Amino acid sequence: MYYMIYSEDIANSLTLRLQHRPAHLARLQVLAEAGRLLIAGPTPAIDNNDPGDAGFSGSLVVAEFASLAEAQQWAAQDPFILNGVYARSTVKPFKKVLP
C-alpha cells in the first residue's frame, strides 16, 4: 500500500537542508530503484519553483510500504529528521486514484 509522508521544516532550515540533502536523496533513490516511490519533492516556502533564500517549508513523499508501521519507521530514520531539518512528519495511508 502507498503511504503519504508529509514533513514540515523548522524555521530557516535551508542551510541544514542543503547539508543533509545528499543522504536524504540517497534513501529516496533506493525506494525509486525498487519501484516503490510514487512521488517525492519539497514544498517551496514561497510561490516559486526556485524559492532561493526563502528555502522550503517541508516535503512530500508518497511511497509503497508493507504497513503503516514500516512507513513510520522509514520516515523516522530520514536524515532530515535525524539532523533537525524537519520539525515533524505525518504518515498516513494513501490511495492512488488518478492518473
PDB file of N, CA and C in Angstrom:
ATOM      1  N   MET A   1       0.844  -1.175   0.000  1.00  0.00           N
ATOM      2  CA  MET A   1       0.000   0.000   0.000  1.00  0.00           C
ATOM      3  C   MET A   1       0.891   1.241   0.000  1.00  0.00           C
ATOM      4  N   TYR A   2       0.363   2.303  -0.580  1.00  0.00           N
ATOM      5  CA  TYR A   2       1.078   3.576  -0.559  1.00  0.00           C
ATOM      6  C   TYR A   2       0.812   4.309   0.758  1.00  0.00           C
ATOM      7  N   TYR A   3       1.818   5.085   1.159  1.00  0.00           N
ATOM      8  CA  TYR A   3       1.703   5.935   2.341  1.00  0.00           C
ATOM      9  C   TYR A   3       2.247   7.313   1.999  1.00  0.00           C
ATOM     10  N   MET A   4       1.568   8.327   2.514  1.00  0.00           N
ATOM     11  CA  MET A   4       1.955   9.712   2.342  1.00  0.00           C
ATOM     12  C   MET A   4       2.751  10.134   3.568  1.00  0.00           C
ATOM     13  N   ILE A   5       3.932  10.697   3.322  1.00  0.00           N
ATOM     14  CA  ILE A   5       4.746  11.222   4.406  1.00  0.00           C
ATOM     15  C   ILE A   5       4.899  12.716   4.152  1.00  0.00           C
ATOM     16  N   TYR A   6       4.236  13.516   4.985  1.00  0.00           N
ATOM     17  CA  TYR A   6       4.337  14.970   4.860  1.00  0.00           C
ATOM     18  C   TYR A   6       5.171  15.467   6.031  1.00  0.00           C
ATOM     19  N   SER A   7       6.263  16.126   5.724  1.00  0.00           N
ATOM     20  CA  SER A   7       7.180  16.603   6.752  1.00  0.00           C
ATOM     21  C   SER A   7       7.281  18.111   6.695  1.00  0.00           C
ATOM     22  N   GLU A   8       7.326  18.732   7.867  1.00  0.00           N
ATOM     23  CA  GLU A   8       7.412  20.182   7.974  1.00  0.00           C
ATOM     24  C   GLU A   8       8.787  20.587   8.487  1.00  0.00           C
ATOM     25  N   ASP A   9       9.417  21.522   7.786  1.00  0.00           N
ATOM     26  CA  ASP A   9      10.736  22.027   8.167  1.00  0.00           C
ATOM     27  C   ASP A   9      10.662  22.921   9.399  1.00  0.00           C
ATOM     28  N   ILE A  10      11.788  23.006  10.102  1.00  0.00           N
ATOM     29  CA  ILE A  10      11.946  24.031  11.120  1.00  0.00           C
ATOM     30  C   ILE A  10      12.086  25.371  10.391  1.00  0.00           C
ATOM     31  N   ALA A  11      11.990  26.455  11.111  1.00  0.00           N
ATOM     32  CA  ALA A  11      12.211  27.773  10.511  1.00  0.00           C
ATOM     33  C   ALA A  11      13.662  27.894  10.054  1.00  0.00           C
ATOM     34  N   ASN A  12      13.869  28.562   8.937  1.00  0.00           N
ATOM     35  CA  ASN A  12      15.220  28.831   8.414  1.00  0.00           C
ATOM     36  C   ASN A  12      16.047  27.552   8.263  1.00  0.00           C
ATOM     37  N   SER A  13      15.472  26.555   7.628  1.00  0.00           N
ATOM     38  CA  SER A  13      16.089  25.231   7.514  1.00  0.00           C
ATOM     39  C   SER A  13      17.051  25.087   6.335  1.00  0.00           C
ATOM     40  N   LEU A  14      17.132  26.081   5.467  1.00  0.00           N
ATOM     41  CA  LEU A  14      17.823  25.905   4.194  1.00  0.00           C
ATOM     42  C   LEU A  14      19.269  25.416   4.346  1.00  0.00           C
ATOM     43  N   THR A  15      20.046  25.993   5.237  1.00  0.00           N
ATOM     44  CA  THR A  15      21.444  25.583   5.401  1.00  0.00           C
ATOM     45  C   THR A  15      21.534  24.117   5.825  1.00  0.00           C
ATOM     46  N   LEU A  16      20.742  23.732   6.826  1.00  0.00           N
ATOM     47  CA  LEU A  16      20.722  22.331   7.268  1.00  0.00           C
ATOM     48  C   LEU A  16      20.220  21.414   6.169  1.00  0.00           C
ATOM     49  N   ARG A  17      19.199  21.855   5.474  1.00  0.00           N
ATOM     50  CA  ARG A  17      18.605  21.064   4.388  1.00  0.00           C
ATOM     51  C   ARG A  17      19.653  20.763   3.316  1.00  0.00           C
ATOM     52  N   LEU A  18      20.390  21.768   2.894  1.00  0.00           N
ATOM     53  CA  LEU A  18      21.413  21.570   1.865  1.00  0.00           C
ATOM     54  C   LEU A  18      22.527  20.655   2.353  1.00  0.00           C
ATOM     55  N   GLN A  19      22.878  20.768   3.614  1.00  0.00           N
ATOM     56  CA  GLN A  19      23.944  19.952   4.192  1.00  0.00           C
ATOM     57  C   GLN A  19      23.578  18.465   4.187  1.00  0.00           C
ATOM     58  N   HIS A  20      22.321  18.141   4.459  1.00  0.00           N
ATOM     59  CA  HIS A  20      21.902  16.744   4.605  1.00  0.00           C
ATOM     60  C   HIS A  20      21.123  16.210   3.398  1.00  0.00           C
ATOM     61  N   ARG A  21      21.006  17.019   2.360  1.00  0.00           N
ATOM     62  CA  ARG A  21      20.252  16.634   1.162  1.00  0.00           C
ATOM     63  C   ARG A  21      20.796  15.381   0.475  1.00  0.00           C
ATOM     64  N   PRO A  22      22.111  15.221   0.294  1.00  0.00           N
ATOM     65  CA  PRO A  22      22.601  14.011  -0.385  1.00  0.00           C
ATOM     66  C   PRO A  22      22.151  12.714   0.301  1.00  0.00           C
ATOM     67  N   ALA A  23      22.216  12.660   1.614  1.00  0.00           N
ATOM     68  CA  ALA A  23      21.791  11.452   2.334  1.00  0.00           C
ATOM     69  C   ALA A  23      20.277  11.260   2.235  1.00  0.00           C
ATOM     70  N   HIS A  24      19.543  12.342   2.284  1.00  0.00           N
ATOM     71  CA  HIS A  24      18.080  12.294   2.141  1.00  0.00           C
ATOM     72  C   HIS A  24      17.707  11.745   0.759  1.00  0.00           C
ATOM     73  N   LEU A  25      18.350  12.272  -0.287  1.00  0.00           N
ATOM     74  CA  LEU A  25      18.057  11.825  -1.648  1.00  0.00           C
ATOM     75  C   LEU A  25      18.490  10.380  -1.888  1.00  0.00           C
ATOM     76  N   ALA A  26      19.557   9.947  -1.262  1.00  0.00           N
ATOM     77  CA  ALA A  26      20.028   8.570  -1.422  1.00  0.00           C
ATOM     78  C   ALA A  26      18.980   7.578  -0.943  1.00  0.00           C
ATOM     79  N   ARG A  27      18.309   7.879   0.148  1.00  0.00           N
ATOM     80  CA  ARG A  27      17.260   6.980   0.650  1.00  0.00           C
ATOM     81  C   ARG A  27      16.069   6.945  -0.311  1.00  0.00           C
ATOM     82  N   LEU A  28      15.737   8.088  -0.866  1.00  0.00           N
ATOM     83  CA  LEU A  28      14.635   8.136  -1.833  1.00  0.00           C
ATOM     84  C   LEU A  28      15.000   7.360  -3.099  1.00  0.00           C
ATOM     85  N   GLN A  29      16.254   7.440  -3.508  1.00  0.00           N
ATOM     86  CA  GLN A  29      16.711   6.720  -4.697  1.00  0.00           C
ATOM     87  C   GLN A  29      16.566   5.215  -4.517  1.00  0.00           C
ATOM     88  N   VAL A  30      16.811   4.719  -3.313  1.00  0.00           N
ATOM     89  CA  VAL A  30      16.633   3.288  -3.032  1.00  0.00           C
ATOM     90  C   VAL A  30      15.179   2.887  -3.255  1.00  0.00           C
ATOM     91  N   LEU A  31      14.250   3.706  -2.769  1.00  0.00           N
ATOM     92  CA  LEU A  31      12.820   3.428  -2.999  1.00  0.00           C
ATOM     93  C   LEU A  31      12.494   3.472  -4.484  1.00  0.00           C
ATOM     94  N   ALA A  32      13.036   4.464  -5.190  1.00  0.00           N
ATOM     95  CA  ALA A  32      12.769   4.607  -6.625  1.00  0.00           C
ATOM     96  C   ALA A  32      13.279   3.398  -7.397  1.00  0.00           C
ATOM     97  N   GLU A  33      14.487   2.964  -7.088  1.00  0.00           N
ATOM     98  CA  GLU A  33      15.071   1.818  -7.792  1.00  0.00           C
ATOM     99  C   GLU A  33      14.310   0.526  -7.526  1.00  0.00           C
ATOM    100  N   ALA A  34      13.647   0.458  -6.383  1.00  0.00           N
ATOM    101  CA  ALA A  34      12.835  -0.712  -6.049  1.00  0.00           C
ATOM    102  C   ALA A  34      11.425  -0.606  -6.624  1.00  0.00           C
ATOM    103  N   GLY A  35      11.127   0.496  -7.318  1.00  0.00           N
ATOM    104  CA  GLY A  35       9.799   0.695  -7.901  1.00  0.00           C
ATOM    105  C   GLY A  35       8.738   1.027  -6.873  1.00  0.00           C
ATOM    106  N   ARG A  36       9.152   1.543  -5.717  1.00  0.00           N
ATOM    107  CA  ARG A  36       8.217   1.815  -4.624  1.00  0.00           C
ATOM    108  C   ARG A  36       7.899   3.287  -4.432  1.00  0.00           C
ATOM    109  N   LEU A  37       8.574   4.176  -5.160  1.00  0.00           N
ATOM    110  CA  LEU A  37       8.376   5.615  -4.988  1.00  0.00           C
ATOM    111  C   LEU A  37       7.400   6.141  -6.030  1.00  0.00           C
ATOM    112  N   LEU A  38       6.285   6.688  -5.575  1.00  0.00           N
ATOM    113  CA  LEU A  38       5.293   7.262  -6.474  1.00  0.00           C
ATOM    114  C   LEU A  38       5.651   8.712  -6.801  1.00  0.00           C
ATOM    115  N   ILE A  39       5.995   9.492  -5.771  1.00  0.00           N
ATOM    116  CA  ILE A  39       6.326  10.905  -5.951  1.00  0.00           C
ATOM    117  C   ILE A  39       7.088  11.395  -4.720  1.00  0.00           C
ATOM    118  N   ALA A  40       7.951  12.372  -4.928  1.00  0.00           N
ATOM    119  CA  ALA A  40       8.669  12.980  -3.808  1.00  0.00           C
ATOM    120  C   ALA A  40       9.143  14.355  -4.216  1.00  0.00           C
ATOM    121  N   GLY A  41       9.124  15.273  -3.283  1.00  0.00           N
ATOM    122  CA  GLY A  41       9.645  16.606  -3.543  1.00  0.00           C
ATOM    123  C   GLY A  41       9.376  17.557  -2.397  1.00  0.00           C
ATOM    124  N   PRO A  42      10.080  18.689  -2.429  1.00  0.00           N
ATOM    125  CA  PRO A  42       9.932  19.692  -1.379  1.00  0.00           C
ATOM    126  C   PRO A  42       8.770  20.639  -1.665  1.00  0.00           C
ATOM    127  N   THR A  43       8.330  21.324  -0.621  1.00  0.00           N
ATOM    128  CA  THR A  43       7.321  22.370  -0.758  1.00  0.00           C
ATOM    129  C   THR A  43       8.029  23.718  -0.566  1.00  0.00           C
ATOM    130  N   PRO A  44       8.144  24.503  -1.641  1.00  0.00           N
ATOM    131  CA  PRO A  44       8.813  25.801  -1.522  1.00  0.00           C
ATOM    132  C   PRO A  44       8.122  26.697  -0.498  1.00  0.00           C
ATOM    133  N   ALA A  45       8.899  27.496   0.203  1.00  0.00           N
ATOM    134  CA  ALA A  45       8.364  28.393   1.224  1.00  0.00           C
ATOM    135  C   ALA A  45       7.604  29.567   0.617  1.00  0.00           C
ATOM    136  N   ILE A  46       7.849  29.828  -0.671  1.00  0.00           N
ATOM    137  CA  ILE A  46       7.131  30.891  -1.374  1.00  0.00           C
ATOM    138  C   ILE A  46       6.572  30.301  -2.670  1.00  0.00           C
ATOM    139  N   ASP A  47       5.711  31.048  -3.315  1.00  0.00           N
ATOM    140  CA  ASP A  47       5.045  30.581  -4.532  1.00  0.00           C
ATOM    141  C   ASP A  47       5.983  30.697  -5.731  1.00  0.00           C
ATOM    142  N   ASN A  48       7.008  29.824  -5.740  1.00  0.00           N
ATOM    143  CA  ASN A  48       8.003  29.860  -6.802  1.00  0.00           C
ATOM    144  C   ASN A  48       8.728  28.514  -6.821  1.00  0.00           C
ATOM    145  N   ASN A  49       8.938  27.942  -8.005  1.00  0.00           N
ATOM    146  CA  ASN A  49       9.670  26.670  -8.096  1.00  0.00           C
ATOM    147  C   ASN A  49      11.091  26.780  -7.575  1.00  0.00           C
ATOM    148  N   ASP A  50      11.689  27.963  -7.689  1.00  0.00           N
ATOM    149  CA  ASP A  50      13.034  28.206  -7.178  1.00  0.00           C
ATOM    150  C   ASP A  50      12.944  29.284  -6.105  1.00  0.00           C
ATOM    151  N   PRO A  51      12.737  28.883  -4.854  1.00  0.00           N
ATOM    152  CA  PRO A  51      12.489  29.874  -3.810  1.00  0.00           C
ATOM    153  C   PRO A  51      13.734  30.603  -3.307  1.00  0.00           C
ATOM    154  N   GLY A  52      14.905  30.245  -3.837  1.00  0.00           N
ATOM    155  CA  GLY A  52      16.136  30.925  -3.431  1.00  0.00           C
ATOM    156  C   GLY A  52      16.347  30.857  -1.932  1.00  0.00           C
ATOM    157  N   ASP A  53      16.708  31.984  -1.341  1.00  0.00           N
ATOM    158  CA  ASP A  53      16.997  32.038   0.094  1.00  0.00           C
ATOM    159  C   ASP A  53      15.775  31.791   0.970  1.00  0.00           C
ATOM    160  N   ALA A  54      14.574  31.886   0.401  1.00  0.00           N
ATOM    161  CA  ALA A  54      13.364  31.614   1.192  1.00  0.00           C
ATOM    162  C   ALA A  54      13.308  30.143   1.590  1.00  0.00           C
ATOM    163  N   GLY A  55      13.919  29.286   0.775  1.00  0.00           N
ATOM    164  CA  GLY A  55      14.011  27.867   1.112  1.00  0.00           C
ATOM    165  C   GLY A  55      12.701  27.116   0.978  1.00  0.00           C
ATOM    166  N   PHE A  56      12.548  26.126   1.826  1.00  0.00           N
ATOM    167  CA  PHE A  56      11.418  25.210   1.742  1.00  0.00           C
ATOM    168  C   PHE A  56      10.732  25.085   3.093  1.00  0.00           C
ATOM    169  N   SER A  57       9.450  24.785   3.044  1.00  0.00           N
ATOM    170  CA  SER A  57       8.676  24.649   4.283  1.00  0.00           C
ATOM    171  C   SER A  57       8.455  23.194   4.660  1.00  0.00           C
ATOM    172  N   GLY A  58       8.798  22.281   3.767  1.00  0.00           N
ATOM    173  CA  GLY A  58       8.608  20.865   4.073  1.00  0.00           C
ATOM    174  C   GLY A  58       8.793  20.016   2.835  1.00  0.00           C
ATOM    175  N   SER A  59       8.304  18.775   2.923  1.00  0.00           N
ATOM    176  CA  SER A  59       8.435  17.822   1.818  1.00  0.00           C
ATOM    177  C   SER A  59       7.271  16.851   1.821  1.00  0.00           C
ATOM    178  N   LEU A  60       7.023  16.288   0.637  1.00  0.00           N
ATOM    179  CA  LEU A  60       6.008  15.255   0.485  1.00  0.00           C
ATOM    180  C   LEU A  60       6.652  14.048  -0.178  1.00  0.00           C
ATOM    181  N   VAL A  61       6.426  12.884   0.397  1.00  0.00           N
ATOM    182  CA  VAL A  61       6.852  11.611  -0.181  1.00  0.00           C
ATOM    183  C   VAL A  61       5.635  10.702  -0.200  1.00  0.00           C
ATOM    184  N   VAL A  62       5.376  10.071  -1.333  1.00  0.00           N
ATOM    185  CA  VAL A  62       4.357   9.029  -1.412  1.00  0.00           C
ATOM    186  C   VAL A  62       5.069   7.788  -1.928  1.00  0.00           C
ATOM    187  N   ALA A  63       5.081   6.757  -1.099  1.00  0.00           N
ATOM    188  CA  ALA A  63       5.825   5.550  -1.426  1.00  0.00           C
ATOM    189  C   ALA A  63       5.094   4.320  -0.894  1.00  0.00           C
ATOM    190  N   GLU A  64       5.486   3.181  -1.438  1.00  0.00           N
ATOM    191  CA  GLU A  64       4.876   1.919  -1.063  1.00  0.00           C
ATOM    192  C   GLU A  64       5.650   1.266   0.083  1.00  0.00           C
ATOM    193  N   PHE A  65       4.914   0.857   1.109  1.00  0.00           N
ATOM    194  CA  PHE A  65       5.474   0.144   2.252  1.00  0.00           C
ATOM    195  C   PHE A  65       4.539  -1.004   2.595  1.00  0.00           C
ATOM    196  N   ALA A  66       5.037  -1.974   3.342  1.00  0.00           N
ATOM    197  CA  ALA A  66       4.243  -3.144   3.724  1.00  0.00           C
ATOM    198  C   ALA A  66       3.173  -2.805   4.756  1.00  0.00           C
ATOM    199  N   SER A  67       3.409  -1.746   5.538  1.00  0.00           N
ATOM    200  CA  SER A  67       2.462  -1.391   6.598  1.00  0.00           C
ATOM    201  C   SER A  67       2.679   0.059   7.018  1.00  0.00           C
ATOM    202  N   LEU A  68       1.724   0.577   7.758  1.00  0.00           N
ATOM    203  CA  LEU A  68       1.851   1.920   8.320  1.00  0.00           C
ATOM    204  C   LEU A  68       3.062   1.980   9.255  1.00  0.00           C
ATOM    205  N   ALA A  69       3.240   0.949  10.054  1.00  0.00           N
ATOM    206  CA  ALA A  69       4.384   0.924  10.980  1.00  0.00           C
ATOM    207  C   ALA A  69       5.708   0.991  10.218  1.00  0.00           C
ATOM    208  N   GLU A  70       5.812   0.273   9.094  1.00  0.00           N
ATOM    209  CA  GLU A  70       7.040   0.314   8.303  1.00  0.00           C
ATOM    210  C   GLU A  70       7.253   1.697   7.711  1.00  0.00           C
ATOM    211  N   ALA A  71       6.204   2.335   7.237  1.00  0.00           N
ATOM    212  CA  ALA A  71       6.317   3.688   6.688  1.00  0.00           C
ATOM    213  C   ALA A  71       6.735   4.677   7.778  1.00  0.00           C
ATOM    214  N   GLN A  72       6.163   4.541   8.961  1.00  0.00           N
ATOM    215  CA  GLN A  72       6.532   5.421  10.074  1.00  0.00           C
ATOM    216  C   GLN A  72       7.994   5.218  10.465  1.00  0.00           C
ATOM    217  N   GLN A  73       8.435   3.984  10.495  1.00  0.00           N
ATOM    218  CA  GLN A  73       9.820   3.688  10.842  1.00  0.00           C
ATOM    219  C   GLN A  73      10.771   4.272   9.795  1.00  0.00           C
ATOM    220  N   TRP A  74      10.428   4.127   8.501  1.00  0.00           N
ATOM    221  CA  TRP A  74      11.246   4.688   7.438  1.00  0.00           C
ATOM    222  C   TRP A  74      11.326   6.207   7.589  1.00  0.00           C
ATOM    223  N   ALA A  75      10.192   6.852   7.831  1.00  0.00           N
ATOM    224  CA  ALA A  75      10.161   8.309   7.977  1.00  0.00           C
ATOM    225  C   ALA A  75      11.001   8.761   9.172  1.00  0.00           C
ATOM    226  N   ALA A  76      10.960   8.015  10.251  1.00  0.00           N
ATOM    227  CA  ALA A  76      11.700   8.379  11.466  1.00  0.00           C
ATOM    228  C   ALA A  76      13.209   8.312  11.268  1.00  0.00           C
ATOM    229  N   GLN A  77      13.662   7.573  10.264  1.00  0.00           N
ATOM    230  CA  GLN A  77      15.100   7.431  10.007  1.00  0.00           C
ATOM    231  C   GLN A  77      15.607   8.381   8.918  1.00  0.00           C
ATOM    232  N   ASP A  78      14.748   9.268   8.438  1.00  0.00           N
ATOM    233  CA  ASP A  78      15.159  10.216   7.407  1.00  0.00           C
ATOM    234  C   ASP A  78      16.264  11.124   7.961  1.00  0.00           C
ATOM    235  N   PRO A  79      17.329  11.346   7.201  1.00  0.00           N
ATOM    236  CA  PRO A  79      18.387  12.253   7.659  1.00  0.00           C
ATOM    237  C   PRO A  79      17.881  13.652   8.002  1.00  0.00           C
ATOM    238  N   PHE A  80      16.813  14.084   7.366  1.00  0.00           N
ATOM    239  CA  PHE A  80      16.257  15.394   7.692  1.00  0.00           C
ATOM    240  C   PHE A  80      15.625  15.387   9.085  1.00  0.00           C
ATOM    241  N   ILE A  81      15.047  14.282   9.504  1.00  0.00           N
ATOM    242  CA  ILE A  81      14.520  14.154  10.876  1.00  0.00           C
ATOM    243  C   ILE A  81      15.686  14.047  11.852  1.00  0.00           C
ATOM    244  N   LEU A  82      16.616  13.152  11.556  1.00  0.00           N
ATOM    245  CA  LEU A  82      17.726  12.868  12.472  1.00  0.00           C
ATOM    246  C   LEU A  82      18.638  14.069  12.693  1.00  0.00           C
ATOM    247  N   ASN A  83      18.690  14.985  11.720  1.00  0.00           N
ATOM    248  CA  ASN A  83      19.580  16.138  11.814  1.00  0.00           C
ATOM    249  C   ASN A  83      18.856  17.468  12.015  1.00  0.00           C
ATOM    250  N   GLY A  84      17.579  17.418  12.364  1.00  0.00           N
ATOM    251  CA  GLY A  84      16.861  18.616  12.766  1.00  0.00           C
ATOM    252  C   GLY A  84      16.339  19.505  11.663  1.00  0.00           C
ATOM    253  N   VAL A  85      16.293  19.030  10.423  1.00  0.00           N
ATOM    254  CA  VAL A  85      15.701  19.821   9.337  1.00  0.00           C
ATOM    255  C   VAL A  85      14.182  19.845   9.485  1.00  0.00           C
ATOM    256  N   TYR A  86      13.616  18.672   9.749  1.00  0.00           N
ATOM    257  CA  TYR A  86      12.165  18.561   9.926  1.00  0.00           C
ATOM    258  C   TYR A  86      11.797  18.732  11.392  1.00  0.00           C
ATOM    259  N   ALA A  87      10.755  19.492  11.621  1.00  0.00           N
ATOM    260  CA  ALA A  87      10.195  19.623  12.968  1.00  0.00           C
ATOM    261  C   ALA A  87       9.303  18.429  13.284  1.00  0.00           C
ATOM    262  N   ARG A  88       8.612  17.935  12.237  1.00  0.00           N
ATOM    263  CA  ARG A  88       7.679  16.819  12.426  1.00  0.00           C
ATOM    264  C   ARG A  88       7.354  16.197  11.090  1.00  0.00           C
ATOM    265  N   SER A  89       6.927  14.938  11.154  1.00  0.00           N
ATOM    266  CA  SER A  89       6.450  14.221   9.967  1.00  0.00           C
ATOM    267  C   SER A  89       5.132  13.552  10.296  1.00  0.00           C
ATOM    268  N   THR A  90       4.237  13.569   9.327  1.00  0.00           N
ATOM    269  CA  THR A  90       2.950  12.900   9.444  1.00  0.00           C
ATOM    270  C   THR A  90       2.900  11.804   8.396  1.00  0.00           C
ATOM    271  N   VAL A  91       2.539  10.597   8.805  1.00  0.00           N
ATOM    272  CA  VAL A  91       2.471   9.453   7.898  1.00  0.00           C
ATOM    273  C   VAL A  91       1.037   8.938   7.898  1.00  0.00           C
ATOM    274  N   LYS A  92       0.463   8.825   6.696  1.00  0.00           N
ATOM    275  CA  LYS A  92      -0.913   8.342   6.552  1.00  0.00           C
ATOM    276  C   LYS A  92      -1.020   7.431   5.340  1.00  0.00           C
ATOM    277  N   PRO A  93      -1.955   6.489   5.384  1.00  0.00           N
ATOM    278  CA  PRO A  93      -2.215   5.676   4.194  1.00  0.00           C
ATOM    279  C   PRO A  93      -2.664   6.579   3.050  1.00  0.00           C
ATOM    280  N   PHE A  94      -2.319   6.172   1.821  1.00  0.00           N
ATOM    281  CA  PHE A  94      -2.655   6.940   0.629  1.00  0.00           C
ATOM    282  C   PHE A  94      -3.200   5.998  -0.424  1.00  0.00           C
ATOM    283  N   LYS A  95      -4.358   6.330  -0.961  1.00  0.00           N
ATOM    284  CA  LYS A  95      -4.949   5.531  -2.026  1.00  0.00           C
ATOM    285  C   LYS A  95      -4.834   6.290  -3.336  1.00  0.00           C
ATOM    286  N   LYS A  96      -4.041   5.776  -4.254  1.00  0.00           N
ATOM    287  CA  LYS A  96      -3.876   6.410  -5.568  1.00  0.00           C
ATOM    288  C   LYS A  96      -5.112   6.119  -6.417  1.00  0.00           C
ATOM    289  N   VAL A  97      -5.721   7.177  -6.930  1.00  0.00           N
ATOM    290  CA  VAL A  97      -6.900   7.041  -7.779  1.00  0.00           C
ATOM    291  C   VAL A  97      -6.598   7.496  -9.209  1.00  0.00           C
ATOM    292  N   LEU A  98      -5.971   8.656  -9.366  1.00  0.00           N
ATOM    293  CA  LEU A  98      -5.641   9.210 -10.677  1.00  0.00           C
ATOM    294  C   LEU A  98      -4.194   9.657 -10.703  1.00  0.00           C
ATOM    295  N   PRO A  99      -3.531   9.733 -11.790  1.00  0.00           N
ATOM    296  CA  PRO A  99      -3.934   9.162 -13.068  1.00  0.00           C
ATOM    297  C   PRO A  99      -3.782   7.653 -13.050  1.00  0.00           C
TER     298      PRO A  99
END
